[in-house]
PDB file of N, CA and C in Angstrom:
ATOM      1  N   UNK A   1     147.599  89.574 -94.453  1.00  0.00           N
ATOM      2  CA  UNK A   1     146.357  89.592 -93.703  1.00  0.00           C
ATOM      3  C   UNK A   1     145.381  88.616 -94.354  1.00  0.00           C
ATOM      4  N   UNK A   2     144.858  87.714 -93.567  1.00  0.00           N
ATOM      5  CA  UNK A   2     143.879  86.763 -94.075  1.00  0.00           C
ATOM      6  C   UNK A   2     142.486  87.376 -94.041  1.00  0.00           C
ATOM      7  N   UNK A   3     141.805  87.262 -95.166  1.00  0.00           N
ATOM      8  CA  UNK A   3     140.452  87.805 -95.234  1.00  0.00           C
ATOM      9  C   UNK A   3     139.481  86.859 -94.523  1.00  0.00           C
ATOM     10  N   UNK A   4     139.651  85.556 -94.748  1.00  0.00           N
ATOM     11  CA  UNK A   4     138.753  84.563 -94.173  1.00  0.00           C
ATOM     12  C   UNK A   4     139.489  83.721 -93.139  1.00  0.00           C
ATOM     13  N   UNK A   5     138.797  83.404 -92.053  1.00  0.00           N
ATOM     14  CA  UNK A   5     139.395  82.512 -91.071  1.00  0.00           C
ATOM     15  C   UNK A   5     139.018  81.071 -91.410  1.00  0.00           C
ATOM     16  N   UNK A   6     139.506  80.122 -90.616  1.00  0.00           N
ATOM     17  CA  UNK A   6     139.285  78.709 -90.902  1.00  0.00           C
ATOM     18  C   UNK A   6     137.818  78.328 -90.884  1.00  0.00           C
ATOM     19  N   UNK A   7     137.046  78.910 -90.000  1.00  0.00           N
ATOM     20  CA  UNK A   7     135.626  78.588 -89.915  1.00  0.00           C
ATOM     21  C   UNK A   7     134.893  79.000 -91.188  1.00  0.00           C
ATOM     22  N   UNK A   8     135.201  80.185 -91.704  1.00  0.00           N
ATOM     23  CA  UNK A   8     134.555  80.655 -92.931  1.00  0.00           C
ATOM     24  C   UNK A   8     134.969  79.825 -94.134  1.00  0.00           C
ATOM     25  N   UNK A   9     136.228  79.426 -94.202  1.00  0.00           N
ATOM     26  CA  UNK A   9     136.692  78.575 -95.298  1.00  0.00           C
ATOM     27  C   UNK A   9     136.019  77.213 -95.234  1.00  0.00           C
ATOM     28  N   UNK A  10     135.924  76.628 -94.046  1.00  0.00           N
ATOM     29  CA  UNK A  10     135.269  75.326 -93.895  1.00  0.00           C
ATOM     30  C   UNK A  10     133.791  75.405 -94.257  1.00  0.00           C
ATOM     31  N   UNK A  11     133.133  76.494 -93.886  1.00  0.00           N
ATOM     32  CA  UNK A  11     131.724  76.666 -94.237  1.00  0.00           C
ATOM     33  C   UNK A  11     131.557  76.759 -95.744  1.00  0.00           C
ATOM     34  N   UNK A  12     132.431  77.484 -96.413  1.00  0.00           N
ATOM     35  CA  UNK A  12     132.354  77.604 -97.872  1.00  0.00           C
ATOM     36  C   UNK A  12     132.603  76.263 -98.551  1.00  0.00           C
ATOM     37  N   UNK A  13     133.559  75.500 -98.057  1.00  0.00           N
ATOM     38  CA  UNK A  13     133.845  74.186 -98.638  1.00  0.00           C
ATOM     39  C   UNK A  13     132.649  73.264 -98.476  1.00  0.00           C
ATOM     40  N   UNK A  14     132.066  73.220 -97.286  1.00  0.00           N
ATOM     41  CA  UNK A  14     130.900  72.361 -97.070  1.00  0.00           C
ATOM     42  C   UNK A  14     129.712  72.823 -97.898  1.00  0.00           C
ATOM     43  N   UNK A  15     129.550  74.130 -98.070  1.00  0.00           N
ATOM     44  CA  UNK A  15     128.473  74.645 -98.902  1.00  0.00           C
ATOM     45  C   UNK A  15     128.636  74.182-100.343  1.00  0.00           C
ATOM     46  N   UNK A  16     129.855  74.227-100.865  1.00  0.00           N
ATOM     47  CA  UNK A  16     130.112  73.779-102.238  1.00  0.00           C
ATOM     48  C   UNK A  16     129.867  72.279-102.362  1.00  0.00           C
ATOM     49  N   UNK A  17     130.305  71.496-101.388  1.00  0.00           N
ATOM     50  CA  UNK A  17     130.101  70.046-101.429  1.00  0.00           C
ATOM     51  C   UNK A  17     128.612  69.713-101.417  1.00  0.00           C
ATOM     52  N   UNK A  18     127.860  70.338-100.532  1.00  0.00           N
ATOM     53  CA  UNK A  18     126.418  70.072-100.451  1.00  0.00           C
ATOM     54  C   UNK A  18     125.715  70.568-101.705  1.00  0.00           C
ATOM     55  N   UNK A  19     126.116  71.721-102.232  1.00  0.00           N
ATOM     56  CA  UNK A  19     125.509  72.248-103.453  1.00  0.00           C
ATOM     57  C   UNK A  19     125.745  71.299-104.629  1.00  0.00           C
ATOM     58  N   UNK A  20     126.962  70.784-104.773  1.00  0.00           N
ATOM     59  CA  UNK A  20     127.251  69.824-105.851  1.00  0.00           C
ATOM     60  C   UNK A  20     126.466  68.538-105.665  1.00  0.00           C
ATOM     61  N   UNK A  21     126.340  68.082-104.439  1.00  0.00           N
ATOM     62  CA  UNK A  21     125.572  66.880-104.157  1.00  0.00           C
ATOM     63  C   UNK A  21     124.114  67.065-104.552  1.00  0.00           C
ATOM     64  N   UNK A  22     123.543  68.211-104.218  1.00  0.00           N
ATOM     65  CA  UNK A  22     122.145  68.503-104.574  1.00  0.00           C
ATOM     66  C   UNK A  22     122.006  68.676-106.081  1.00  0.00           C
ATOM     67  N   UNK A  23     122.995  69.283-106.707  1.00  0.00           N
ATOM     68  CA  UNK A  23     122.931  69.557-108.131  1.00  0.00           C
ATOM     69  C   UNK A  23     122.964  68.280-108.974  1.00  0.00           C
ATOM     70  N   UNK A  24     123.755  67.305-108.565  1.00  0.00           N
ATOM     71  CA  UNK A  24     123.949  66.115-109.388  1.00  0.00           C
ATOM     72  C   UNK A  24     123.078  64.933-109.010  1.00  0.00           C
ATOM     73  N   UNK A  25     122.403  64.960-107.875  1.00  0.00           N
ATOM     74  CA  UNK A  25     121.508  63.865-107.478  1.00  0.00           C
ATOM     75  C   UNK A  25     120.072  64.271-107.766  1.00  0.00           C
ATOM     76  N   UNK A  26     119.455  63.635-108.753  1.00  0.00           N
ATOM     77  CA  UNK A  26     118.111  64.026-109.163  1.00  0.00           C
ATOM     78  C   UNK A  26     117.076  63.752-108.075  1.00  0.00           C
ATOM     79  N   UNK A  27     117.243  62.661-107.316  1.00  0.00           N
ATOM     80  CA  UNK A  27     116.268  62.338-106.274  1.00  0.00           C
ATOM     81  C   UNK A  27     116.333  63.302-105.087  1.00  0.00           C
ATOM     82  N   UNK A  28     117.402  64.059-104.986  1.00  0.00           N
ATOM     83  CA  UNK A  28     117.511  65.072-103.930  1.00  0.00           C
ATOM     84  C   UNK A  28     117.162  66.453-104.475  1.00  0.00           C
ATOM     85  N   UNK A  29     117.383  66.663-105.770  1.00  0.00           N
ATOM     86  CA  UNK A  29     117.143  67.970-106.374  1.00  0.00           C
ATOM     87  C   UNK A  29     115.674  68.366-106.334  1.00  0.00           C
ATOM     88  N   UNK A  30     114.777  67.444-106.639  1.00  0.00           N
ATOM     89  CA  UNK A  30     113.341  67.766-106.649  1.00  0.00           C
ATOM     90  C   UNK A  30     112.826  68.175-105.272  1.00  0.00           C
ATOM     91  N   UNK A  31     113.098  67.401-104.208  1.00  0.00           N
ATOM     92  CA  UNK A  31     112.626  67.861-102.890  1.00  0.00           C
ATOM     93  C   UNK A  31     113.267  69.180-102.443  1.00  0.00           C
ATOM     94  N   UNK A  32     114.508  69.418-102.857  1.00  0.00           N
ATOM     95  CA  UNK A  32     115.167  70.673-102.494  1.00  0.00           C
ATOM     96  C   UNK A  32     114.479  71.856-103.165  1.00  0.00           C
ATOM     97  N   UNK A  33     114.097  71.697-104.419  1.00  0.00           N
ATOM     98  CA  UNK A  33     113.365  72.766-105.096  1.00  0.00           C
ATOM     99  C   UNK A  33     112.018  73.007-104.430  1.00  0.00           C
ATOM    100  N   UNK A  34     111.357  71.931-104.004  1.00  0.00           N
ATOM    101  CA  UNK A  34     110.095  72.081-103.277  1.00  0.00           C
ATOM    102  C   UNK A  34     110.293  72.800-101.952  1.00  0.00           C
ATOM    103  N   UNK A  35     111.396  72.500-101.278  1.00  0.00           N
ATOM    104  CA  UNK A  35     111.698  73.174-100.022  1.00  0.00           C
ATOM    105  C   UNK A  35     111.922  74.658-100.245  1.00  0.00           C
ATOM    106  N   UNK A  36     112.658  75.015-101.294  1.00  0.00           N
ATOM    107  CA  UNK A  36     112.901  76.431-101.582  1.00  0.00           C
ATOM    108  C   UNK A  36     111.609  77.151-101.964  1.00  0.00           C
ATOM    109  N   UNK A  37     110.740  76.475-102.712  1.00  0.00           N
ATOM    110  CA  UNK A  37     109.456  77.091-103.064  1.00  0.00           C
ATOM    111  C   UNK A  37     108.617  77.336-101.814  1.00  0.00           C
ATOM    112  N   UNK A  38     108.624  76.384-100.889  1.00  0.00           N
ATOM    113  CA  UNK A  38     107.834  76.572 -99.670  1.00  0.00           C
ATOM    114  C   UNK A  38     108.446  77.622 -98.755  1.00  0.00           C
ATOM    115  N   UNK A  39     109.760  77.795 -98.819  1.00  0.00           N
ATOM    116  CA  UNK A  39     110.411  78.823 -98.010  1.00  0.00           C
ATOM    117  C   UNK A  39     109.961  80.217 -98.404  1.00  0.00           C
ATOM    118  N   UNK A  40     109.658  80.417 -99.675  1.00  0.00           N
ATOM    119  CA  UNK A  40     109.261  81.733-100.156  1.00  0.00           C
ATOM    120  C   UNK A  40     107.747  81.912-100.218  1.00  0.00           C
ATOM    121  N   UNK A  41     107.015  81.069 -99.515  1.00  0.00           N
ATOM    122  CA  UNK A  41     105.578  81.288 -99.370  1.00  0.00           C
ATOM    123  C   UNK A  41     105.368  82.513 -98.479  1.00  0.00           C
ATOM    124  N   UNK A  42     104.236  83.170 -98.654  1.00  0.00           N
ATOM    125  CA  UNK A  42     103.989  84.429 -97.963  1.00  0.00           C
ATOM    126  C   UNK A  42     103.996  84.267 -96.443  1.00  0.00           C
ATOM    127  N   UNK A  43     103.402  83.185 -95.927  1.00  0.00           N
ATOM    128  CA  UNK A  43     103.345  83.009 -94.473  1.00  0.00           C
ATOM    129  C   UNK A  43     104.731  82.824 -93.865  1.00  0.00           C
ATOM    130  N   UNK A  44     105.564  82.027 -94.489  1.00  0.00           N
ATOM    131  CA  UNK A  44     106.900  81.776 -93.941  1.00  0.00           C
ATOM    132  C   UNK A  44     107.797  82.986 -94.153  1.00  0.00           C
ATOM    133  N   UNK A  45     107.727  83.578 -95.332  1.00  0.00           N
ATOM    134  CA  UNK A  45     108.567  84.735 -95.621  1.00  0.00           C
ATOM    135  C   UNK A  45     108.220  85.922 -94.726  1.00  0.00           C
ATOM    136  N   UNK A  46     106.938  86.110 -94.451  1.00  0.00           N
ATOM    137  CA  UNK A  46     106.555  87.216 -93.566  1.00  0.00           C
ATOM    138  C   UNK A  46     107.059  86.971 -92.142  1.00  0.00           C
ATOM    139  N   UNK A  47     107.060  85.713 -91.692  1.00  0.00           N
ATOM    140  CA  UNK A  47     107.592  85.387 -90.371  1.00  0.00           C
ATOM    141  C   UNK A  47     109.094  85.675 -90.300  1.00  0.00           C
ATOM    142  N   UNK A  48     109.831  85.328 -91.352  1.00  0.00           N
ATOM    143  CA  UNK A  48     111.268  85.590 -91.390  1.00  0.00           C
ATOM    144  C   UNK A  48     111.538  87.095 -91.376  1.00  0.00           C
ATOM    145  N   UNK A  49     110.759  87.856 -92.134  1.00  0.00           N
ATOM    146  CA  UNK A  49     110.929  89.311 -92.160  1.00  0.00           C
ATOM    147  C   UNK A  49     110.596  89.919 -90.799  1.00  0.00           C
ATOM    148  N   UNK A  50     109.552  89.411 -90.144  1.00  0.00           N
ATOM    149  CA  UNK A  50     109.220  89.901 -88.804  1.00  0.00           C
ATOM    150  C   UNK A  50     110.334  89.598 -87.809  1.00  0.00           C
ATOM    151  N   UNK A  51     110.959  88.434 -87.902  1.00  0.00           N
ATOM    152  CA  UNK A  51     112.088  88.102 -87.024  1.00  0.00           C
ATOM    153  C   UNK A  51     113.260  89.047 -87.256  1.00  0.00           C
ATOM    154  N   UNK A  52     113.497  89.410 -88.530  1.00  0.00           N
ATOM    155  CA  UNK A  52     114.578  90.348 -88.832  1.00  0.00           C
ATOM    156  C   UNK A  52     114.294  91.719 -88.234  1.00  0.00           C
ATOM    157  N   UNK A  53     113.053  92.208 -88.361  1.00  0.00           N
ATOM    158  CA  UNK A  53     112.691  93.492 -87.769  1.00  0.00           C
ATOM    159  C   UNK A  53     112.781  93.454 -86.241  1.00  0.00           C
ATOM    160  N   UNK A  54     112.386  92.338 -85.638  1.00  0.00           N
ATOM    161  CA  UNK A  54     112.470  92.189 -84.187  1.00  0.00           C
ATOM    162  C   UNK A  54     113.928  92.272 -83.734  1.00  0.00           C
ATOM    163  N   UNK A  55     114.812  91.559 -84.438  1.00  0.00           N
ATOM    164  CA  UNK A  55     116.232  91.593 -84.094  1.00  0.00           C
ATOM    165  C   UNK A  55     116.798  92.997 -84.272  1.00  0.00           C
ATOM    166  N   UNK A  56     116.422  93.656 -85.360  1.00  0.00           N
ATOM    167  CA  UNK A  56     116.868  95.029 -85.583  1.00  0.00           C
ATOM    168  C   UNK A  56     116.374  95.940 -84.472  1.00  0.00           C
ATOM    169  N   UNK A  57     115.133  95.753 -84.058  1.00  0.00           N
ATOM    170  CA  UNK A  57     114.578  96.585 -82.992  1.00  0.00           C
ATOM    171  C   UNK A  57     115.301  96.401 -81.677  1.00  0.00           C
ATOM    172  N   UNK A  58     115.622  95.152 -81.332  1.00  0.00           N
ATOM    173  CA  UNK A  58     116.358  94.891 -80.082  1.00  0.00           C
ATOM    174  C   UNK A  58     117.739  95.539 -80.138  1.00  0.00           C
ATOM    175  N   UNK A  59     118.454  95.351 -81.250  1.00  0.00           N
ATOM    176  CA  UNK A  59     119.793  95.932 -81.371  1.00  0.00           C
ATOM    177  C   UNK A  59     119.720  97.453 -81.346  1.00  0.00           C
ATOM    178  N   UNK A  60     118.736  98.019 -82.014  1.00  0.00           N
ATOM    179  CA  UNK A  60     118.591  99.478 -82.023  1.00  0.00           C
ATOM    180  C   UNK A  60     118.293 100.002 -80.618  1.00  0.00           C
ATOM    181  N   UNK A  61     117.434  99.317 -79.880  1.00  0.00           N
ATOM    182  CA  UNK A  61     117.124  99.716 -78.506  1.00  0.00           C
ATOM    183  C   UNK A  61     118.378  99.643 -77.629  1.00  0.00           C
ATOM    184  N   UNK A  62     119.121  98.541 -77.734  1.00  0.00           N
ATOM    185  CA  UNK A  62     120.341  98.411 -76.938  1.00  0.00           C
ATOM    186  C   UNK A  62     121.382  99.454 -77.336  1.00  0.00           C
ATOM    187  N   UNK A  63     121.415  99.835 -78.606  1.00  0.00           N
ATOM    188  CA  UNK A  63     122.315 100.888 -79.047  1.00  0.00           C
ATOM    189  C   UNK A  63     121.917 102.231 -78.435  1.00  0.00           C
ATOM    190  N   UNK A  64     120.635 102.500 -78.391  1.00  0.00           N
ATOM    191  CA  UNK A  64     120.164 103.776 -77.852  1.00  0.00           C
ATOM    192  C   UNK A  64     120.407 103.902 -76.348  1.00  0.00           C
ATOM    193  N   UNK A  65     120.376 102.799 -75.609  1.00  0.00           N
ATOM    194  CA  UNK A  65     120.637 102.860 -74.163  1.00  0.00           C
ATOM    195  C   UNK A  65     122.117 102.626 -73.861  1.00  0.00           C
ATOM    196  N   UNK A  66     122.963 102.687 -74.917  1.00  0.00           N
ATOM    197  CA  UNK A  66     124.419 102.573 -74.800  1.00  0.00           C
ATOM    198  C   UNK A  66     124.860 101.251 -74.176  1.00  0.00           C
ATOM    199  N   UNK A  67     124.134 100.185 -74.519  1.00  0.00           N
ATOM    200  CA  UNK A  67     124.517  98.861 -74.045  1.00  0.00           C
ATOM    201  C   UNK A  67     125.130  98.040 -75.169  1.00  0.00           C
ATOM    202  N   UNK A  68     124.958  98.475 -76.406  1.00  0.00           N
ATOM    203  CA  UNK A  68     125.484  97.788 -77.587  1.00  0.00           C
ATOM    204  C   UNK A  68     126.231  98.789 -78.440  1.00  0.00           C
ATOM    205  N   UNK A  69     127.359  98.340 -78.999  1.00  0.00           N
ATOM    206  CA  UNK A  69     128.178  99.193 -79.846  1.00  0.00           C
ATOM    207  C   UNK A  69     128.560  98.399 -81.096  1.00  0.00           C
ATOM    208  N   UNK A  70     128.785  99.086 -82.198  1.00  0.00           N
ATOM    209  CA  UNK A  70     129.119  98.391 -83.435  1.00  0.00           C
ATOM    210  C   UNK A  70     130.457  97.668 -83.359  1.00  0.00           C
ATOM    211  N   UNK A  71     131.298  98.021 -82.408  1.00  0.00           N
ATOM    212  CA  UNK A  71     132.567  97.309 -82.256  1.00  0.00           C
ATOM    213  C   UNK A  71     132.342  95.877 -81.769  1.00  0.00           C
ATOM    214  N   UNK A  72     131.181  95.588 -81.236  1.00  0.00           N
ATOM    215  CA  UNK A  72     130.877  94.222 -80.767  1.00  0.00           C
ATOM    216  C   UNK A  72     130.660  93.251 -81.928  1.00  0.00           C
ATOM    217  N   UNK A  73     130.476  93.756 -83.126  1.00  0.00           N
ATOM    218  CA  UNK A  73     130.262  92.890 -84.283  1.00  0.00           C
ATOM    219  C   UNK A  73     131.558  92.228 -84.710  1.00  0.00           C
ATOM    220  N   UNK A  74     132.671  92.928 -84.678  1.00  0.00           N
ATOM    221  CA  UNK A  74     133.946  92.412 -85.146  1.00  0.00           C
ATOM    222  C   UNK A  74     134.653  91.699 -84.000  1.00  0.00           C
ATOM    223  N   UNK A  75     134.369  90.418 -83.845  1.00  0.00           N
ATOM    224  CA  UNK A  75     134.979  89.668 -82.745  1.00  0.00           C
ATOM    225  C   UNK A  75     136.270  88.990 -83.158  1.00  0.00           C
ATOM    226  N   UNK A  76     136.558  88.882 -84.456  1.00  0.00           N
ATOM    227  CA  UNK A  76     137.734  88.147 -84.905  1.00  0.00           C
ATOM    228  C   UNK A  76     139.009  88.950 -84.914  1.00  0.00           C
ATOM    229  N   UNK A  77     138.937  90.259 -84.970  1.00  0.00           N
ATOM    230  CA  UNK A  77     140.163  91.052 -85.103  1.00  0.00           C
ATOM    231  C   UNK A  77     141.013  91.030 -83.838  1.00  0.00           C
ATOM    232  N   UNK A  78     140.418  90.839 -82.678  1.00  0.00           N
ATOM    233  CA  UNK A  78     141.176  90.819 -81.439  1.00  0.00           C
ATOM    234  C   UNK A  78     141.838  89.464 -81.192  1.00  0.00           C
ATOM    235  N   UNK A  79     141.475  88.457 -81.951  1.00  0.00           N
ATOM    236  CA  UNK A  79     141.974  87.107 -81.708  1.00  0.00           C
ATOM    237  C   UNK A  79     143.128  86.724 -82.610  1.00  0.00           C
ATOM    238  N   UNK A  80     143.654  87.650 -83.412  1.00  0.00           N
ATOM    239  CA  UNK A  80     144.739  87.320 -84.323  1.00  0.00           C
ATOM    240  C   UNK A  80     146.023  87.058 -83.552  1.00  0.00           C
ATOM    241  N   UNK A  81     146.813  86.128 -84.068  1.00  0.00           N
ATOM    242  CA  UNK A  81     148.075  85.777 -83.416  1.00  0.00           C
ATOM    243  C   UNK A  81     149.239  86.312 -84.190  1.00  0.00           C
TER     244      UNK A  81
END
C-alpha cells in the first residue's frame, strides 16, 4: 500500500528544491525572511484565522444539514488500481 501518491511526492520534491534554493541564495533569503515576517503580522494573521473559521463554519453547517460527510475528504482511496 502506497502512503503517498505521485502528486504528494512531486509536491514534496518541489518543496525541497525551492527550500534549498532559498537556503543557499543570499539575495533570495533576505526577502523571503521579510515575507515570512509580514505574513505573521496581526492584520494578515487575523484575516487567515477568520478565513479558517469561515471555512469551518460552512463545513459544519453542511454537515448539520446532511449535505457533507467526512467520507468526502478521502477522495484517493476509490481511485486505486
